[in-house]
Amino acid sequence: MKEIYRDLNLTTVRYYKSLLEDEGIPVILRNEYTTASGITSIPIPEFYPNISVLNDDDFQKAWEILNQAQIKANNSDVDIICPHCGEPNPGNFEICYLCNKPLPEQSA
């Protein structure tokens, strides 16, 4: 078992956990309740919610999935212009919200 991600924001940790599980990678969420207990009001990263990959062999694939998710999140403030209808969309969208057609992928 290897830890792959930790953050004070439990919502972000849960989101990344679901991304990995959707790809068939078994993970475990630890320190889930420390944010509610107030213990993380003191910034000690060891107590932050975190996810660990259960099978060491899955670690590289999980790392790539999380890396791509973070690239998409970082590109979310760069608009993508839909080639079909010309409408600007947030950079992390994969489908145009106006015409529902696929958007081109952005490079990192």
Protein backbone atom coordinates (compact mmCIF):
# COMPACT_ATOMS: atom_id res chain seq x y z
CA MET A 1 0.00 0.00 0.00
CA LYS A 2 1.37 3.40 -1.03
CA GLU A 3 0.00 6.84 -0.28
CA ILE A 4 -0.62 8.78 -3.46
CA TYR A 5 -2.44 11.98 -2.48
CA ARG A 6 -3.15 14.09 0.58
CA ASP A 7 -4.84 17.44 1.01
CA LEU A 8 -6.60 19.44 3.68
CA ASN A 9 -9.67 19.67 1.43
CA LEU A 10 -11.63 16.45 1.96
CA THR A 11 -13.81 17.13 -1.09
CA THR A 12 -10.76 17.13 -3.36
CA VAL A 13 -9.44 13.93 -1.78
CA ARG A 14 -12.80 12.20 -2.23
CA TYR A 15 -12.98 13.36 -5.85
CA TYR A 16 -9.57 11.89 -6.65
CA LYS A 17 -10.52 8.71 -4.79
CA SER A 18 -13.58 8.33 -7.02
CA LEU A 19 -11.50 8.92 -10.17
CA LEU A 20 -9.18 6.08 -9.21
CA GLU A 21 -12.00 3.74 -8.22
CA ASP A 22 -13.77 4.46 -11.53
CA GLU A 23 -10.62 3.20 -13.26
CA GLY A 24 -10.73 -0.01 -11.22
CA ILE A 25 -7.89 0.91 -8.86
CA PRO A 26 -8.59 -0.15 -5.27
CA VAL A 27 -7.77 2.63 -2.80
CA ILE A 28 -8.35 3.44 0.83
CA LEU A 29 -9.27 6.84 2.27
CA ARG A 30 -7.54 7.61 5.56
CA ASN A 31 -7.97 10.47 8.05
CA GLU A 32 -11.40 11.16 6.59
CA TYR A 33 -12.82 12.48 9.84
CA THR A 34 -9.90 14.55 11.09
CA THR A 35 -11.18 17.67 9.29
CA ALA A 36 -14.50 17.48 11.14
CA SER A 37 -12.77 16.93 14.47
CA GLY A 38 -10.90 20.22 14.23
CA ILE A 39 -7.52 18.52 14.53
CA THR A 40 -6.52 19.86 11.10
CA SER A 41 -7.02 23.45 12.21
CA ILE A 42 -3.36 23.08 13.13
CA PRO A 43 -1.59 22.56 9.79
CA ILE A 44 -0.02 19.14 10.35
CA PRO A 45 -0.09 17.36 6.97
CA GLU A 46 0.21 13.92 8.60
CA PHE A 47 -3.40 14.37 9.79
CA TYR A 48 -4.80 15.53 6.42
CA PRO A 49 -7.20 13.23 4.59
CA ASN A 50 -5.29 11.04 2.16
CA ILE A 51 -5.70 8.18 -0.26
CA SER A 52 -3.46 5.19 -0.67
CA VAL A 53 -3.33 2.72 -3.53
CA LEU A 54 -3.79 -0.75 -2.10
CA ASN A 55 -1.77 -2.62 -4.76
CA ASP A 56 1.71 -1.24 -5.36
CA ASP A 57 1.48 -2.39 -8.99
CA ASP A 58 -1.37 0.11 -9.56
CA PHE A 59 0.62 3.09 -8.29
CA GLN A 60 2.02 4.24 -11.66
CA LYS A 61 -1.36 4.08 -13.40
CA ALA A 62 -2.97 5.93 -10.47
CA TRP A 63 -0.25 8.58 -10.60
CA GLU A 64 -0.93 9.18 -14.31
CA ILE A 65 -4.69 9.47 -13.72
CA LEU A 66 -4.24 12.01 -10.93
CA ASN A 67 -1.65 13.93 -12.94
CA GLN A 68 -4.08 14.25 -15.88
CA ALA A 69 -6.87 15.35 -13.52
CA GLN A 70 -4.64 18.06 -12.07
CA ILE A 71 -3.63 19.26 -15.54
CA LYS A 72 -7.32 19.56 -16.44
CA ALA A 73 -8.00 21.44 -13.21
CA ASN A 74 -5.14 23.85 -13.93
CA ASN A 75 -6.48 24.46 -17.45
CA SER A 76 -10.00 25.20 -16.23
CA ASP A 77 -9.47 28.97 -16.37
CA VAL A 78 -8.34 28.84 -20.03
CA ASP A 79 -11.33 28.82 -22.38
CA ILE A 80 -11.71 26.34 -25.22
CA ILE A 81 -13.57 27.65 -28.23
CA CYS A 82 -15.96 25.05 -29.61
CA PRO A 83 -15.03 24.34 -33.23
CA HIS A 84 -18.67 23.46 -33.99
CA CYS A 85 -20.57 26.48 -32.65
CA GLY A 86 -17.84 28.96 -31.64
CA GLU A 87 -18.94 29.15 -28.00
CA PRO A 88 -16.22 29.56 -25.33
CA ASN A 89 -16.19 26.77 -22.71
CA PRO A 90 -14.13 26.38 -19.51
CA GLY A 91 -10.86 24.56 -20.15
CA ASN A 92 -11.80 21.49 -18.14
CA PHE A 93 -14.94 20.78 -20.20
CA GLU A 94 -14.84 17.84 -22.60
CA ILE A 95 -18.20 18.56 -24.26
CA CYS A 96 -19.55 21.95 -25.33
CA TYR A 97 -22.28 23.07 -22.96
CA LEU A 98 -24.15 24.78 -25.81
CA CYS A 99 -24.12 22.29 -28.70
CA ASN A 100 -23.13 19.11 -26.78
CA LYS A 101 -20.35 18.22 -29.24
CA PRO A 102 -16.85 17.09 -28.20
CA LEU A 103 -14.28 19.80 -27.59
CA PRO A 104 -10.66 19.47 -28.67
CA GLU A 105 -8.22 18.47 -25.94
CA GLN A 106 -5.91 21.14 -24.62
CA SER A 107 -2.21 20.52 -24.37
CA ALA A 108 -0.59 21.04 -20.97
